[in-house]
Amino acid sequence: MRLKLEFVSPKSVILPQGYTKYMQAMIYNIFSKKLREFVHEAGFRSAKKFSLFCFSWILEEGRYIKKIKVFDFGNKISFYISSPAKVLMEDILNGLFKNEHFRLGENELYVSSVVSVEKNFGNLDAVEVSALTPIEVHRTYVENGRNKTIYFSPFEKEFSELVNMNLRNKWSAFYRQELDKNLEIIPLFEKETAERRYKKVVYYGFGNKRYIVEGWKGKYLLKGEPEVLRFVYDAGLGSKNSQGFGFIE
Protein backbone atom coordinates (compact mmCIF):
# COMPACT_ATOMS: atom_id res chain seq x y z
CA MET A 1 0.00 0.00 0.00
CA ARG A 2 1.28 3.45 -0.88
CA LEU A 3 0.14 6.94 0.11
CA LYS A 4 1.12 10.38 -1.10
CA LEU A 5 0.97 12.85 1.80
CA GLU A 6 0.82 16.59 1.33
CA PHE A 7 1.29 19.12 4.12
CA VAL A 8 1.11 22.90 4.36
CA SER A 9 2.78 25.21 6.86
CA PRO A 10 2.09 28.82 7.88
CA LYS A 11 5.82 29.48 7.39
CA SER A 12 8.46 28.23 4.99
CA VAL A 13 9.56 24.69 5.82
CA ILE A 14 13.26 24.92 6.71
CA LEU A 15 15.27 21.73 7.12
CA PRO A 16 18.98 20.96 7.52
CA GLN A 17 21.10 18.38 5.74
CA GLY A 18 20.20 14.93 7.01
CA TYR A 19 16.56 15.97 7.35
CA THR A 20 15.27 12.46 6.58
CA LYS A 21 15.93 11.72 10.27
CA TYR A 22 13.21 14.29 11.04
CA MET A 23 10.90 12.66 8.50
CA GLN A 24 11.38 9.27 10.13
CA ALA A 25 10.63 10.79 13.56
CA MET A 26 7.45 12.46 12.25
CA ILE A 27 6.24 9.16 10.78
CA TYR A 28 6.82 7.39 14.11
CA ASN A 29 4.82 10.14 15.83
CA ILE A 30 1.92 9.69 13.40
CA PHE A 31 1.66 6.03 14.44
CA SER A 32 -0.54 5.23 17.41
CA LYS A 33 1.37 4.49 20.59
CA LYS A 34 0.75 0.75 20.25
CA LEU A 35 1.99 0.55 16.64
CA ARG A 36 4.88 2.91 17.35
CA GLU A 37 6.13 0.68 20.15
CA PHE A 38 5.71 -2.41 17.99
CA VAL A 39 7.58 -1.00 14.98
CA HIS A 40 10.36 0.55 17.06
CA GLU A 41 10.88 -2.20 19.62
CA ALA A 42 9.66 -5.53 18.20
CA GLY A 43 9.16 -5.03 14.48
CA PHE A 44 8.85 -7.80 11.93
CA ARG A 45 11.57 -10.35 12.59
CA SER A 46 13.48 -13.01 10.70
CA ALA A 47 17.28 -13.07 10.79
CA LYS A 48 16.98 -9.33 11.48
CA LYS A 49 14.38 -6.82 12.67
CA PHE A 50 12.51 -4.79 10.05
CA SER A 51 10.14 -1.85 10.41
CA LEU A 52 8.74 -2.66 6.93
CA PHE A 53 7.87 0.81 5.80
CA CYS A 54 9.63 3.04 3.33
CA PHE A 55 9.31 6.71 2.42
CA SER A 56 10.54 9.06 -0.24
CA TRP A 57 12.36 12.29 0.38
CA ILE A 58 10.42 15.52 0.01
CA LEU A 59 9.21 15.68 -3.59
CA GLU A 60 9.49 19.45 -3.92
CA GLU A 61 12.93 20.79 -4.80
CA GLY A 62 14.11 22.88 -1.87
CA ARG A 63 16.28 25.95 -2.26
CA TYR A 64 19.61 25.23 -0.59
CA ILE A 65 20.95 28.12 1.48
CA LYS A 66 24.67 27.40 1.52
CA LYS A 67 25.55 30.00 4.17
CA ILE A 68 23.55 28.27 6.90
CA LYS A 69 23.39 24.78 5.26
CA VAL A 70 19.61 24.40 5.20
CA PHE A 71 16.90 23.76 2.60
CA ASP A 72 13.94 26.10 2.16
CA PHE A 73 10.96 24.16 0.78
CA GLY A 74 8.39 26.93 0.87
CA ASN A 75 4.95 26.52 2.44
CA LYS A 76 4.00 23.13 0.97
CA ILE A 77 5.73 19.75 1.01
CA SER A 78 4.75 16.27 -0.05
CA PHE A 79 6.23 12.78 0.08
CA TYR A 80 5.31 9.12 -0.36
CA ILE A 81 5.13 6.44 2.28
CA SER A 82 4.55 2.75 1.59
CA SER A 83 4.44 -0.62 3.34
CA PRO A 84 3.39 -4.19 2.53
CA ALA A 85 1.80 -4.26 6.01
CA LYS A 86 -1.75 -2.97 5.67
CA VAL A 87 -2.05 -2.54 9.44
CA LEU A 88 0.77 0.03 9.43
CA MET A 89 -0.73 2.06 6.60
CA GLU A 90 -4.20 2.03 8.13
CA ASP A 91 -2.69 3.23 11.40
CA ILE A 92 -0.92 6.03 9.52
CA LEU A 93 -4.25 7.06 7.95
CA ASN A 94 -5.96 7.11 11.34
CA GLY A 95 -3.13 9.18 12.81
CA LEU A 96 -3.24 11.69 9.97
CA PHE A 97 -6.93 12.38 10.43
CA LYS A 98 -6.91 12.17 14.22
CA ASN A 99 -4.27 14.85 14.82
CA GLU A 100 -4.58 18.52 13.91
CA HIS A 101 -0.93 19.26 13.26
CA PHE A 102 2.47 17.60 13.10
CA ARG A 103 6.10 18.51 13.76
CA LEU A 104 8.86 18.07 11.21
CA GLY A 105 11.98 19.25 13.00
CA GLU A 106 11.10 22.80 14.08
CA ASN A 107 8.31 23.12 11.48
CA GLU A 108 4.59 22.94 12.19
CA LEU A 109 2.65 21.12 9.47
CA TYR A 110 -1.01 20.57 8.64
CA VAL A 111 -2.36 17.82 6.38
CA SER A 112 -3.76 19.20 3.12
CA SER A 113 -4.30 15.94 1.21
CA VAL A 114 -3.82 12.18 1.40
CA VAL A 115 -3.95 10.17 -1.83
CA SER A 116 -3.78 6.40 -2.20
CA VAL A 117 -1.40 5.49 -5.05
CA GLU A 118 -1.89 1.91 -6.20
CA LYS A 119 -0.18 0.02 -9.00
CA ASN A 120 -1.58 -3.14 -10.57
CA PHE A 121 1.31 -5.45 -11.42
CA GLY A 122 -1.01 -8.13 -12.85
CA ASN A 123 1.11 -10.92 -14.31
CA LEU A 124 4.15 -8.76 -15.02
CA ASP A 125 7.47 -10.49 -14.46
CA ALA A 126 9.55 -7.42 -15.37
CA VAL A 127 9.14 -3.73 -14.60
CA GLU A 128 11.24 -0.60 -15.09
CA VAL A 129 11.63 1.51 -11.95
CA SER A 130 13.28 4.73 -10.86
CA ALA A 131 15.00 5.02 -7.50
CA LEU A 132 13.44 8.14 -5.96
CA THR A 133 15.84 7.71 -3.05
CA PRO A 134 19.24 5.96 -3.21
CA ILE A 135 19.34 2.17 -3.08
CA GLU A 136 21.89 1.25 -0.41
CA VAL A 137 23.61 -2.06 0.35
CA HIS A 138 26.80 -2.55 2.31
CA ARG A 139 29.00 -4.86 4.34
CA THR A 140 30.64 -3.92 7.63
CA TYR A 141 33.76 -5.52 9.06
CA VAL A 142 36.36 -4.73 11.74
CA GLU A 143 39.77 -3.42 10.72
CA ASN A 144 42.36 -2.44 13.34
CA GLY A 145 39.69 -2.48 16.02
CA ARG A 146 37.34 -0.16 14.13
CA ASN A 147 34.22 -0.82 12.09
CA LYS A 148 34.64 -0.21 8.38
CA THR A 149 31.75 -0.10 5.91
CA ILE A 150 31.98 -0.88 2.22
CA TYR A 151 29.14 0.22 -0.06
CA PHE A 152 28.53 -1.51 -3.38
CA SER A 153 27.53 -0.20 -6.79
CA PRO A 154 24.90 -1.74 -9.11
CA PHE A 155 27.75 -2.98 -11.32
CA GLU A 156 29.25 -5.18 -8.59
CA LYS A 157 27.90 -8.70 -8.01
CA GLU A 158 27.65 -7.98 -4.28
CA PHE A 159 24.96 -5.37 -5.01
CA SER A 160 22.50 -7.93 -6.39
CA GLU A 161 23.52 -10.52 -3.78
CA LEU A 162 22.87 -8.15 -0.89
CA VAL A 163 19.64 -6.78 -2.37
CA ASN A 164 18.36 -10.36 -2.60
CA MET A 165 19.58 -11.30 0.87
CA ASN A 166 17.77 -8.27 2.28
CA LEU A 167 14.66 -9.12 0.26
CA ARG A 168 14.59 -12.72 1.51
CA ASN A 169 14.97 -11.57 5.12
CA LYS A 170 12.16 -9.02 4.79
CA TRP A 171 9.93 -11.54 3.03
CA SER A 172 10.53 -14.11 5.77
CA ALA A 173 9.85 -11.50 8.48
CA PHE A 174 6.54 -10.50 6.90
CA TYR A 175 5.15 -13.74 5.47
CA ARG A 176 6.76 -16.17 7.93
CA GLN A 177 7.98 -18.33 5.06
CA GLU A 178 11.11 -18.60 2.97
CA LEU A 179 11.46 -16.95 -0.43
CA ASP A 180 13.13 -19.30 -2.90
CA LYS A 181 13.08 -16.87 -5.85
CA ASN A 182 15.66 -14.24 -6.74
CA LEU A 183 15.05 -10.73 -8.00
CA GLU A 184 17.16 -9.70 -10.97
CA ILE A 185 18.13 -6.03 -10.90
CA ILE A 186 19.71 -4.48 -14.01
CA PRO A 187 20.90 -0.85 -14.05
CA LEU A 188 19.63 1.02 -17.12
CA PHE A 189 22.52 3.46 -17.26
CA GLU A 190 26.10 3.33 -18.45
CA LYS A 191 28.84 2.34 -16.03
CA GLU A 192 31.18 5.03 -17.40
CA THR A 193 28.91 7.92 -16.33
CA ALA A 194 27.14 6.19 -13.42
CA GLU A 195 29.23 7.44 -10.51
CA ARG A 196 29.03 11.08 -11.55
CA ARG A 197 25.30 11.04 -12.28
CA TYR A 198 23.72 8.47 -9.98
CA LYS A 199 25.94 7.80 -6.99
CA LYS A 200 24.66 9.75 -3.98
CA VAL A 201 26.62 10.40 -0.80
CA VAL A 202 24.20 11.78 1.79
CA TYR A 203 24.08 12.66 5.45
CA TYR A 204 21.69 10.94 7.85
CA GLY A 205 21.07 12.35 11.33
CA PHE A 206 22.71 15.20 13.21
CA GLY A 207 25.61 16.05 15.50
CA ASN A 208 27.56 13.12 16.93
CA LYS A 209 24.96 10.73 15.50
CA ARG A 210 25.30 12.00 11.94
CA TYR A 211 26.85 9.62 9.46
CA ILE A 212 27.33 9.31 5.72
CA VAL A 213 25.44 6.81 3.56
CA GLU A 214 26.28 5.93 -0.03
CA GLY A 215 23.58 4.78 -2.42
CA TRP A 216 22.52 4.78 -6.05
CA LYS A 217 19.63 6.45 -7.86
CA GLY A 218 18.80 5.99 -11.55
CA LYS A 219 16.57 3.61 -13.50
CA TYR A 220 16.58 -0.18 -13.17
CA LEU A 221 14.92 -3.16 -14.76
CA LEU A 222 13.56 -5.56 -12.17
CA LYS A 223 12.77 -9.15 -13.16
CA GLY A 224 10.93 -11.48 -10.83
CA GLU A 225 7.60 -13.01 -9.88
CA PRO A 226 4.69 -10.49 -9.77
CA GLU A 227 4.23 -10.96 -6.01
CA VAL A 228 7.92 -10.24 -5.43
CA LEU A 229 7.79 -7.09 -7.58
CA ARG A 230 4.76 -5.92 -5.63
CA PHE A 231 6.52 -6.59 -2.34
CA VAL A 232 9.67 -4.59 -3.18
CA TYR A 233 7.48 -1.78 -4.55
CA ASP A 234 5.85 -1.50 -1.12
CA ALA A 235 8.78 -2.45 1.13
CA GLY A 236 11.66 -0.76 -0.72
CA LEU A 237 14.88 -2.08 -2.26
CA GLY A 238 18.06 -2.66 -0.30
CA SER A 239 18.76 -1.58 3.27
CA LYS A 240 17.69 1.32 5.52
CA ASN A 241 14.21 1.59 3.98
CA SER A 242 12.66 3.02 7.16
CA GLN A 243 15.36 5.69 7.06
CA GLY A 244 14.31 6.83 3.60
CA PHE A 245 16.48 4.70 1.31
CA GLY A 246 15.51 2.40 -1.57
CA PHE A 247 12.13 3.98 -2.38
CA ILE A 248 11.26 3.09 -6.00
CA GLU A 249 8.60 4.23 -8.46
Foldseek 3Di string as FASTA:
>chain_A
DKKKWKKFFPWWDKFAFQLLQLVLVQLLVLFDPVLSCCLVPPAQFDPHHHSFKFKADWPADFDADVVVRMTTRGGMTMIMMFGPDVVSVVRSVCSLVVDQWTDRPPTIIGTDDMDDDDDDLDFDQKDKKWWSFFAWAWDWDDDPNDIDIDTDDPVDPVQQVQQFVVLQGVCCSVVVDGDPWGKDKAAPDDPVCQCVPFWDWGWHDDDPPIDIGIGGTHMIMIGGGSVSVVRCQRRFTHPDRSSHGRHMD
